[in-house]
N, C-alpha and C. Protein backbone atom coordinates (compact mmCIF):
# COMPACT_ATOMS: atom_id res chain seq x y z
N UNK A 1 33.68 -49.14 -28.32
CA UNK A 1 33.88 -48.53 -27.03
C UNK A 1 32.93 -47.36 -26.81
N UNK A 2 32.73 -46.57 -27.84
CA UNK A 2 31.83 -45.44 -27.73
C UNK A 2 30.42 -45.92 -27.45
N UNK A 3 29.98 -47.01 -28.08
CA UNK A 3 28.63 -47.54 -27.83
C UNK A 3 28.46 -47.95 -26.37
N UNK A 4 29.52 -48.52 -25.76
CA UNK A 4 29.45 -48.95 -24.37
C UNK A 4 29.26 -47.76 -23.43
N UNK A 5 29.86 -46.62 -23.75
CA UNK A 5 29.74 -45.45 -22.89
C UNK A 5 28.35 -44.85 -23.02
N UNK A 6 27.83 -44.82 -24.24
CA UNK A 6 26.55 -44.18 -24.48
C UNK A 6 25.38 -44.99 -23.96
N UNK A 7 25.46 -46.31 -24.01
CA UNK A 7 24.34 -47.13 -23.57
C UNK A 7 24.83 -48.16 -22.56
N UNK A 8 24.16 -48.36 -21.46
CA UNK A 8 24.59 -49.35 -20.47
C UNK A 8 24.50 -50.75 -21.07
N UNK A 9 25.46 -51.56 -20.69
CA UNK A 9 25.54 -52.89 -21.28
C UNK A 9 24.97 -53.98 -20.38
N UNK A 10 24.70 -53.64 -19.14
CA UNK A 10 24.17 -54.69 -18.27
C UNK A 10 23.13 -54.12 -17.32
N UNK A 11 22.36 -54.98 -16.68
CA UNK A 11 21.35 -54.54 -15.73
C UNK A 11 22.00 -53.89 -14.52
N UNK A 12 23.26 -54.28 -14.21
CA UNK A 12 23.96 -53.66 -13.09
C UNK A 12 24.20 -52.19 -13.37
N UNK A 13 24.52 -51.79 -14.61
CA UNK A 13 24.73 -50.38 -14.97
C UNK A 13 23.43 -49.60 -14.86
N UNK A 14 22.31 -50.19 -15.24
CA UNK A 14 21.01 -49.53 -15.16
C UNK A 14 20.62 -49.35 -13.70
N UNK A 15 20.88 -50.34 -12.87
CA UNK A 15 20.57 -50.26 -11.45
C UNK A 15 21.33 -49.14 -10.77
N UNK A 16 22.54 -48.84 -11.21
CA UNK A 16 23.34 -47.77 -10.66
C UNK A 16 22.83 -46.41 -11.16
N UNK A 17 22.39 -46.33 -12.41
CA UNK A 17 21.97 -45.07 -13.03
C UNK A 17 20.65 -44.57 -12.45
N UNK A 18 19.75 -45.47 -12.12
CA UNK A 18 18.43 -45.06 -11.63
C UNK A 18 18.53 -44.23 -10.35
N UNK A 19 19.27 -44.66 -9.30
CA UNK A 19 19.37 -43.81 -8.10
C UNK A 19 20.05 -42.48 -8.37
N UNK A 20 21.02 -42.46 -9.27
CA UNK A 20 21.71 -41.22 -9.60
C UNK A 20 20.73 -40.25 -10.28
N UNK A 21 19.93 -40.78 -11.19
CA UNK A 21 18.93 -39.94 -11.85
C UNK A 21 17.89 -39.43 -10.84
N UNK A 22 17.47 -40.28 -9.93
CA UNK A 22 16.49 -39.87 -8.92
C UNK A 22 17.07 -38.78 -8.02
N UNK A 23 18.32 -38.92 -7.64
CA UNK A 23 18.99 -37.91 -6.81
C UNK A 23 19.10 -36.58 -7.56
N UNK A 24 19.43 -36.64 -8.83
CA UNK A 24 19.53 -35.42 -9.64
C UNK A 24 18.16 -34.75 -9.77
N UNK A 25 17.12 -35.55 -10.00
CA UNK A 25 15.77 -35.01 -10.10
C UNK A 25 15.35 -34.37 -8.79
N UNK A 26 15.65 -35.01 -7.67
CA UNK A 26 15.34 -34.47 -6.36
C UNK A 26 16.04 -33.13 -6.15
N UNK A 27 17.32 -33.05 -6.54
CA UNK A 27 18.09 -31.80 -6.39
C UNK A 27 17.46 -30.69 -7.23
N UNK A 28 17.00 -31.01 -8.44
CA UNK A 28 16.37 -30.02 -9.31
C UNK A 28 15.06 -29.53 -8.68
N UNK A 29 14.27 -30.46 -8.11
CA UNK A 29 13.02 -30.07 -7.47
C UNK A 29 13.26 -29.14 -6.28
N UNK A 30 14.28 -29.41 -5.48
CA UNK A 30 14.62 -28.54 -4.36
C UNK A 30 15.01 -27.16 -4.86
N UNK A 31 15.81 -27.12 -5.91
CA UNK A 31 16.24 -25.84 -6.49
C UNK A 31 15.04 -25.05 -7.00
N UNK A 32 14.13 -25.71 -7.70
CA UNK A 32 12.94 -25.03 -8.23
C UNK A 32 12.07 -24.52 -7.09
N UNK A 33 11.91 -25.33 -6.05
CA UNK A 33 11.10 -24.91 -4.90
C UNK A 33 11.70 -23.69 -4.22
N UNK A 34 13.01 -23.66 -4.06
CA UNK A 34 13.64 -22.51 -3.41
C UNK A 34 13.55 -21.28 -4.29
N UNK A 35 13.63 -21.44 -5.61
CA UNK A 35 13.45 -20.31 -6.52
C UNK A 35 12.03 -19.78 -6.42
N UNK A 36 11.06 -20.67 -6.29
CA UNK A 36 9.67 -20.25 -6.16
C UNK A 36 9.47 -19.38 -4.93
N UNK A 37 10.08 -19.76 -3.80
CA UNK A 37 9.91 -18.94 -2.61
C UNK A 37 10.62 -17.61 -2.76
N UNK A 38 11.71 -17.58 -3.49
CA UNK A 38 12.39 -16.30 -3.75
C UNK A 38 11.52 -15.40 -4.62
N UNK A 39 10.83 -16.01 -5.59
CA UNK A 39 9.95 -15.22 -6.44
C UNK A 39 8.77 -14.68 -5.64
N UNK A 40 8.27 -15.49 -4.72
CA UNK A 40 7.18 -15.02 -3.87
C UNK A 40 7.65 -13.85 -3.03
N UNK A 41 8.86 -13.95 -2.47
CA UNK A 41 9.40 -12.85 -1.67
C UNK A 41 9.56 -11.60 -2.54
N UNK A 42 10.04 -11.77 -3.76
CA UNK A 42 10.23 -10.63 -4.65
C UNK A 42 8.89 -9.98 -4.98
N UNK A 43 7.84 -10.79 -5.18
CA UNK A 43 6.52 -10.23 -5.46
C UNK A 43 6.01 -9.45 -4.26
N UNK A 44 6.27 -9.91 -3.05
CA UNK A 44 5.84 -9.20 -1.86
C UNK A 44 6.59 -7.90 -1.68
N UNK A 45 7.84 -7.86 -2.11
CA UNK A 45 8.61 -6.62 -2.02
C UNK A 45 7.94 -5.54 -2.86
N UNK A 46 7.38 -5.92 -4.01
CA UNK A 46 6.72 -4.96 -4.87
C UNK A 46 5.52 -4.29 -4.20
N UNK A 47 4.92 -4.95 -3.23
CA UNK A 47 3.76 -4.36 -2.55
C UNK A 47 4.14 -3.70 -1.23
N UNK A 48 5.42 -3.58 -0.98
CA UNK A 48 5.88 -2.96 0.27
C UNK A 48 5.67 -1.45 0.23
N UNK A 49 5.75 -0.84 1.39
CA UNK A 49 5.61 0.61 1.49
C UNK A 49 6.87 1.27 0.92
N UNK A 50 6.73 1.89 -0.24
CA UNK A 50 7.89 2.46 -0.91
C UNK A 50 7.80 3.98 -1.07
N UNK A 51 6.62 4.56 -0.83
CA UNK A 51 6.44 6.00 -1.02
C UNK A 51 6.94 6.75 0.22
N UNK A 52 7.50 7.93 -0.02
CA UNK A 52 7.97 8.74 1.10
C UNK A 52 8.22 10.17 0.62
N UNK A 53 7.92 11.11 1.51
CA UNK A 53 8.18 12.52 1.21
C UNK A 53 8.18 13.30 2.51
N UNK A 54 8.68 14.51 2.45
CA UNK A 54 8.59 15.44 3.57
C UNK A 54 7.38 16.33 3.30
N UNK A 55 6.31 16.10 4.03
CA UNK A 55 5.07 16.85 3.83
C UNK A 55 5.02 18.07 4.73
N UNK A 56 4.52 19.16 4.17
CA UNK A 56 4.24 20.37 4.94
C UNK A 56 2.72 20.54 4.96
N UNK A 57 2.25 21.54 5.66
CA UNK A 57 0.84 21.92 5.58
C UNK A 57 0.73 22.86 4.38
N UNK A 58 -0.22 22.62 3.50
CA UNK A 58 -0.34 23.43 2.28
C UNK A 58 -0.62 24.89 2.63
N UNK A 59 0.04 25.76 1.91
CA UNK A 59 -0.16 27.19 2.04
C UNK A 59 -0.38 27.77 0.66
N UNK A 60 0.12 28.96 0.46
CA UNK A 60 -0.04 29.62 -0.84
C UNK A 60 1.04 29.23 -1.84
N UNK A 61 2.10 28.62 -1.36
CA UNK A 61 3.20 28.23 -2.26
C UNK A 61 2.75 27.08 -3.17
N UNK A 62 3.57 26.82 -4.18
CA UNK A 62 3.32 25.71 -5.10
C UNK A 62 3.16 24.41 -4.32
N UNK A 63 2.16 23.64 -4.66
CA UNK A 63 1.83 22.42 -3.91
C UNK A 63 2.49 21.20 -4.55
N UNK A 64 3.50 20.69 -3.88
CA UNK A 64 4.20 19.50 -4.34
C UNK A 64 3.92 18.34 -3.40
N UNK A 65 4.32 18.48 -2.13
CA UNK A 65 4.10 17.48 -1.08
C UNK A 65 3.57 18.21 0.15
N UNK A 66 2.25 18.29 0.26
CA UNK A 66 1.67 18.99 1.41
C UNK A 66 0.29 18.44 1.73
N UNK A 67 -0.14 18.72 2.95
CA UNK A 67 -1.41 18.24 3.46
C UNK A 67 -2.43 19.37 3.37
N UNK A 68 -3.54 19.15 2.66
CA UNK A 68 -4.60 20.14 2.53
C UNK A 68 -5.49 20.09 3.77
N UNK A 69 -6.01 18.92 4.05
CA UNK A 69 -6.85 18.70 5.22
C UNK A 69 -6.71 17.24 5.64
N UNK A 70 -7.65 16.72 6.40
CA UNK A 70 -7.50 15.37 6.92
C UNK A 70 -7.66 14.25 5.92
N UNK A 71 -8.22 14.57 4.73
CA UNK A 71 -8.40 13.51 3.74
C UNK A 71 -7.92 13.89 2.34
N UNK A 72 -7.18 14.97 2.22
CA UNK A 72 -6.67 15.41 0.92
C UNK A 72 -5.23 15.91 1.08
N UNK A 73 -4.38 15.50 0.14
CA UNK A 73 -2.99 15.95 0.17
C UNK A 73 -2.42 15.99 -1.24
N UNK A 74 -1.34 16.69 -1.37
CA UNK A 74 -0.57 16.73 -2.63
C UNK A 74 0.66 15.87 -2.45
N UNK A 75 0.93 15.04 -3.46
CA UNK A 75 2.12 14.18 -3.43
C UNK A 75 2.74 14.18 -4.82
N UNK A 76 3.97 14.64 -4.89
CA UNK A 76 4.69 14.74 -6.16
C UNK A 76 3.91 15.57 -7.18
N UNK A 77 3.26 16.62 -6.68
CA UNK A 77 2.54 17.54 -7.54
C UNK A 77 1.16 17.07 -7.97
N UNK A 78 0.70 15.94 -7.45
CA UNK A 78 -0.62 15.39 -7.79
C UNK A 78 -1.53 15.46 -6.58
N UNK A 79 -2.75 15.97 -6.77
CA UNK A 79 -3.70 16.07 -5.67
C UNK A 79 -4.38 14.72 -5.46
N UNK A 80 -4.36 14.25 -4.21
CA UNK A 80 -4.89 12.92 -3.87
C UNK A 80 -5.94 13.04 -2.78
N UNK A 81 -7.06 12.39 -3.00
CA UNK A 81 -8.13 12.30 -2.01
C UNK A 81 -8.08 10.90 -1.41
N UNK A 82 -8.02 10.82 -0.08
CA UNK A 82 -8.00 9.51 0.57
C UNK A 82 -9.38 8.89 0.38
N UNK A 83 -9.42 7.73 -0.25
CA UNK A 83 -10.66 7.15 -0.75
C UNK A 83 -11.54 6.54 0.32
N UNK A 84 -10.99 6.09 1.43
CA UNK A 84 -11.80 5.31 2.37
C UNK A 84 -12.34 6.09 3.56
N UNK A 85 -12.11 7.42 3.59
CA UNK A 85 -12.56 8.22 4.74
C UNK A 85 -13.11 9.58 4.30
N UNK A 86 -13.75 10.24 5.23
CA UNK A 86 -14.14 11.64 5.09
C UNK A 86 -13.82 12.32 6.42
N UNK A 87 -13.16 13.46 6.35
CA UNK A 87 -12.78 14.19 7.57
C UNK A 87 -13.50 15.53 7.62
N UNK A 88 -13.52 16.16 8.78
CA UNK A 88 -14.18 17.47 8.92
C UNK A 88 -13.55 18.52 8.00
N UNK A 89 -14.38 19.43 7.55
CA UNK A 89 -13.92 20.50 6.67
C UNK A 89 -13.20 21.59 7.45
N UNK A 90 -12.19 22.16 6.82
CA UNK A 90 -11.47 23.29 7.40
C UNK A 90 -11.88 24.57 6.69
N UNK A 91 -11.99 24.51 5.36
CA UNK A 91 -12.24 25.73 4.60
C UNK A 91 -13.68 26.20 4.70
N UNK A 92 -14.65 25.31 4.78
CA UNK A 92 -16.06 25.70 4.89
C UNK A 92 -16.77 24.84 5.93
N UNK A 93 -16.37 24.95 7.18
CA UNK A 93 -17.02 24.14 8.22
C UNK A 93 -18.44 24.63 8.49
N UNK A 94 -19.28 23.71 8.92
CA UNK A 94 -20.67 24.06 9.24
C UNK A 94 -20.84 24.46 10.70
N UNK A 95 -19.83 24.24 11.52
CA UNK A 95 -19.88 24.63 12.93
C UNK A 95 -18.45 24.72 13.48
N UNK A 96 -18.31 25.30 14.65
CA UNK A 96 -16.98 25.47 15.26
C UNK A 96 -16.33 24.12 15.57
N UNK A 97 -17.14 23.14 15.98
CA UNK A 97 -16.59 21.81 16.27
C UNK A 97 -15.97 21.18 15.03
N UNK A 98 -16.64 21.32 13.89
CA UNK A 98 -16.10 20.77 12.65
C UNK A 98 -14.76 21.41 12.32
N UNK A 99 -14.66 22.72 12.49
CA UNK A 99 -13.40 23.42 12.22
C UNK A 99 -12.29 22.90 13.13
N UNK A 100 -12.57 22.77 14.44
CA UNK A 100 -11.55 22.28 15.39
C UNK A 100 -11.11 20.85 15.04
N UNK A 101 -12.09 19.99 14.77
CA UNK A 101 -11.76 18.61 14.42
C UNK A 101 -11.02 18.53 13.08
N UNK A 102 -11.40 19.41 12.16
CA UNK A 102 -10.73 19.45 10.85
C UNK A 102 -9.26 19.79 10.98
N UNK A 103 -8.95 20.76 11.84
CA UNK A 103 -7.54 21.13 12.05
C UNK A 103 -6.79 19.99 12.73
N UNK A 104 -7.43 19.32 13.68
CA UNK A 104 -6.79 18.17 14.33
C UNK A 104 -6.54 17.04 13.33
N UNK A 105 -7.53 16.79 12.44
CA UNK A 105 -7.37 15.74 11.43
C UNK A 105 -6.23 16.08 10.47
N UNK A 106 -6.15 17.34 10.08
CA UNK A 106 -5.07 17.79 9.20
C UNK A 106 -3.71 17.57 9.86
N UNK A 107 -3.58 17.97 11.12
CA UNK A 107 -2.32 17.80 11.85
C UNK A 107 -1.97 16.33 12.02
N UNK A 108 -2.98 15.51 12.31
CA UNK A 108 -2.72 14.08 12.50
C UNK A 108 -2.29 13.43 11.19
N UNK A 109 -2.95 13.77 10.08
CA UNK A 109 -2.54 13.22 8.78
C UNK A 109 -1.12 13.68 8.46
N UNK A 110 -0.82 14.92 8.76
CA UNK A 110 0.54 15.44 8.55
C UNK A 110 1.57 14.59 9.29
N UNK A 111 1.28 14.29 10.56
CA UNK A 111 2.19 13.46 11.36
C UNK A 111 2.29 12.04 10.81
N UNK A 112 1.16 11.46 10.43
CA UNK A 112 1.16 10.08 9.91
C UNK A 112 1.92 9.98 8.59
N UNK A 113 1.72 10.94 7.71
CA UNK A 113 2.38 10.89 6.40
C UNK A 113 3.88 11.08 6.51
N UNK A 114 4.33 11.83 7.51
CA UNK A 114 5.76 12.06 7.69
C UNK A 114 6.44 11.00 8.54
N UNK A 115 5.67 10.12 9.16
CA UNK A 115 6.24 9.16 10.12
C UNK A 115 7.14 8.12 9.46
N UNK A 116 6.68 7.50 8.40
CA UNK A 116 7.41 6.41 7.75
C UNK A 116 6.95 6.31 6.31
N UNK A 117 7.54 5.35 5.61
CA UNK A 117 7.11 5.08 4.23
C UNK A 117 5.67 4.59 4.23
N UNK A 118 5.01 4.73 3.08
CA UNK A 118 3.60 4.35 2.95
C UNK A 118 3.36 3.83 1.54
N UNK A 119 2.18 3.28 1.33
CA UNK A 119 1.75 2.81 0.02
C UNK A 119 0.48 3.54 -0.38
N UNK A 120 0.32 3.74 -1.67
CA UNK A 120 -0.90 4.31 -2.23
C UNK A 120 -1.59 3.21 -3.03
N UNK A 121 -2.81 2.88 -2.64
CA UNK A 121 -3.52 1.76 -3.25
C UNK A 121 -4.74 2.29 -4.00
N UNK A 122 -4.79 1.98 -5.30
CA UNK A 122 -5.93 2.40 -6.12
C UNK A 122 -7.08 1.44 -5.91
N UNK A 123 -8.28 1.99 -5.81
CA UNK A 123 -9.48 1.18 -5.68
C UNK A 123 -10.18 1.04 -7.01
N UNK A 124 -11.50 0.95 -6.96
CA UNK A 124 -12.30 0.74 -8.16
C UNK A 124 -12.25 1.95 -9.10
N UNK A 125 -12.18 3.16 -8.54
CA UNK A 125 -12.12 4.38 -9.35
C UNK A 125 -10.75 5.01 -9.22
N UNK A 126 -10.23 5.53 -10.33
CA UNK A 126 -8.93 6.17 -10.32
C UNK A 126 -9.01 7.63 -9.87
N UNK A 127 -10.06 8.35 -10.30
CA UNK A 127 -10.21 9.78 -9.97
C UNK A 127 -11.64 10.08 -9.56
N UNK A 128 -11.78 11.14 -8.74
CA UNK A 128 -13.12 11.59 -8.37
C UNK A 128 -13.61 12.63 -9.38
N UNK A 129 -14.78 13.17 -9.15
CA UNK A 129 -15.36 14.12 -10.10
C UNK A 129 -14.60 15.44 -10.17
N UNK A 130 -13.73 15.71 -9.20
CA UNK A 130 -12.91 16.92 -9.20
C UNK A 130 -11.53 16.69 -9.80
N UNK A 131 -11.27 15.49 -10.29
CA UNK A 131 -9.99 15.18 -10.92
C UNK A 131 -8.90 14.72 -9.97
N UNK A 132 -9.24 14.60 -8.69
CA UNK A 132 -8.25 14.14 -7.72
C UNK A 132 -8.07 12.63 -7.83
N UNK A 133 -6.82 12.17 -7.66
CA UNK A 133 -6.60 10.74 -7.58
C UNK A 133 -7.27 10.20 -6.33
N UNK A 134 -7.89 9.05 -6.41
CA UNK A 134 -8.50 8.40 -5.26
C UNK A 134 -7.59 7.25 -4.84
N UNK A 135 -7.09 7.32 -3.62
CA UNK A 135 -6.17 6.29 -3.13
C UNK A 135 -6.43 6.01 -1.66
N UNK A 136 -6.21 4.77 -1.28
CA UNK A 136 -6.15 4.41 0.13
C UNK A 136 -4.68 4.48 0.51
N UNK A 137 -4.37 5.13 1.61
CA UNK A 137 -2.99 5.25 2.07
C UNK A 137 -2.77 4.18 3.13
N UNK A 138 -1.75 3.35 2.91
CA UNK A 138 -1.49 2.25 3.84
C UNK A 138 -0.05 2.26 4.32
N UNK A 139 0.11 1.70 5.48
CA UNK A 139 1.45 1.48 6.04
C UNK A 139 1.40 0.11 6.70
N UNK A 140 2.30 -0.76 6.27
CA UNK A 140 2.30 -2.11 6.82
C UNK A 140 0.99 -2.83 6.58
N UNK A 141 0.31 -2.52 5.49
CA UNK A 141 -0.95 -3.14 5.16
C UNK A 141 -2.16 -2.54 5.85
N UNK A 142 -1.96 -1.59 6.72
CA UNK A 142 -3.07 -0.97 7.47
C UNK A 142 -3.37 0.42 6.90
N UNK A 143 -4.65 0.71 6.74
CA UNK A 143 -5.09 2.01 6.23
C UNK A 143 -4.84 3.10 7.27
N UNK A 144 -4.20 4.19 6.83
CA UNK A 144 -4.04 5.33 7.73
C UNK A 144 -5.40 5.97 8.01
N UNK A 145 -6.33 5.82 7.07
CA UNK A 145 -7.69 6.30 7.30
C UNK A 145 -8.34 5.60 8.49
N UNK A 146 -8.07 4.31 8.65
CA UNK A 146 -8.61 3.57 9.80
C UNK A 146 -8.12 4.17 11.11
N UNK A 147 -6.88 4.61 11.12
CA UNK A 147 -6.32 5.24 12.33
C UNK A 147 -7.09 6.51 12.64
N UNK A 148 -7.34 7.34 11.62
CA UNK A 148 -8.10 8.58 11.83
C UNK A 148 -9.53 8.29 12.29
N UNK A 149 -10.14 7.24 11.76
CA UNK A 149 -11.49 6.87 12.20
C UNK A 149 -11.47 6.46 13.66
N UNK A 150 -10.51 5.61 14.03
CA UNK A 150 -10.40 5.14 15.42
C UNK A 150 -10.20 6.31 16.39
N UNK A 151 -9.51 7.35 15.94
CA UNK A 151 -9.24 8.50 16.80
C UNK A 151 -10.36 9.54 16.76
N UNK A 152 -11.43 9.26 16.05
CA UNK A 152 -12.57 10.18 15.99
C UNK A 152 -12.35 11.38 15.09
N UNK A 153 -11.35 11.29 14.20
CA UNK A 153 -11.03 12.41 13.32
C UNK A 153 -11.50 12.18 11.89
N UNK A 154 -12.18 11.08 11.65
CA UNK A 154 -12.68 10.76 10.31
C UNK A 154 -13.88 9.82 10.44
N UNK A 155 -14.72 9.84 9.40
CA UNK A 155 -15.78 8.86 9.25
C UNK A 155 -15.37 7.93 8.11
N UNK A 156 -15.83 6.70 8.17
CA UNK A 156 -15.65 5.81 7.03
C UNK A 156 -16.48 6.38 5.88
N UNK A 157 -15.90 6.38 4.68
CA UNK A 157 -16.58 6.95 3.52
C UNK A 157 -17.64 5.97 3.02
N UNK A 158 -18.89 6.43 3.00
CA UNK A 158 -20.01 5.62 2.51
C UNK A 158 -20.64 6.26 1.27
N UNK A 159 -19.90 7.09 0.58
CA UNK A 159 -20.40 7.73 -0.62
C UNK A 159 -21.06 9.07 -0.39
N UNK A 160 -21.14 9.48 0.85
CA UNK A 160 -21.72 10.80 1.16
C UNK A 160 -21.11 11.30 2.47
N UNK A 161 -21.13 12.60 2.64
CA UNK A 161 -20.60 13.20 3.86
C UNK A 161 -21.57 13.02 5.02
N UNK A 162 -21.00 12.79 6.20
CA UNK A 162 -21.79 12.75 7.41
C UNK A 162 -21.51 14.03 8.19
N UNK A 163 -22.48 14.48 8.95
CA UNK A 163 -22.35 15.71 9.69
C UNK A 163 -21.41 15.56 10.89
N UNK A 164 -20.63 16.60 11.11
CA UNK A 164 -19.77 16.68 12.31
C UNK A 164 -20.42 17.58 13.36
N UNK A 165 -21.55 18.17 13.00
CA UNK A 165 -22.16 19.19 13.85
C UNK A 165 -23.41 18.71 14.58
N UNK A 166 -23.90 17.51 14.31
CA UNK A 166 -25.15 17.03 14.91
C UNK A 166 -25.10 17.05 16.44
N UNK A 167 -23.97 16.69 17.00
CA UNK A 167 -23.84 16.64 18.46
C UNK A 167 -23.02 17.79 19.03
N UNK A 168 -22.84 18.82 18.23
CA UNK A 168 -22.02 19.96 18.67
C UNK A 168 -22.72 20.71 19.80
N UNK A 169 -21.89 21.14 20.75
CA UNK A 169 -22.42 21.90 21.89
C UNK A 169 -22.05 23.35 21.75
């Protein structure tokens, strides 16, 4: 009797087992496919905007979360240089226009950083020659530096500073 249960005794038993096995295999494939999409979703969650802080404008106090200028800020006590842009200088401007634009860029970055969560994306280099972390700041996959460029408050970084004073009146 045990042998009859373990092995089919007729072609009719085999004919019944094949569709059942196919159905089970199909169910397993559907389960694996749905797990794969869940894993893909989980991987995408890891790249979501998860960083957030209340940023102030940097002053003389200890720098934890504050905005230095339009392309430099402190986050969790670490100084970060936005890697994909260059903004006008505030501390050593070459003309009055650069100073005005620098203050506007600082204020705009302050507003952008406080608006919602963001991501910090490392590029080819981790730090610049001054020891600052180099990061692109993104929200929803879009660079906040691109926003500053579009608004005329930053230049795209090409490895050197561009003048803000050439067309100054």
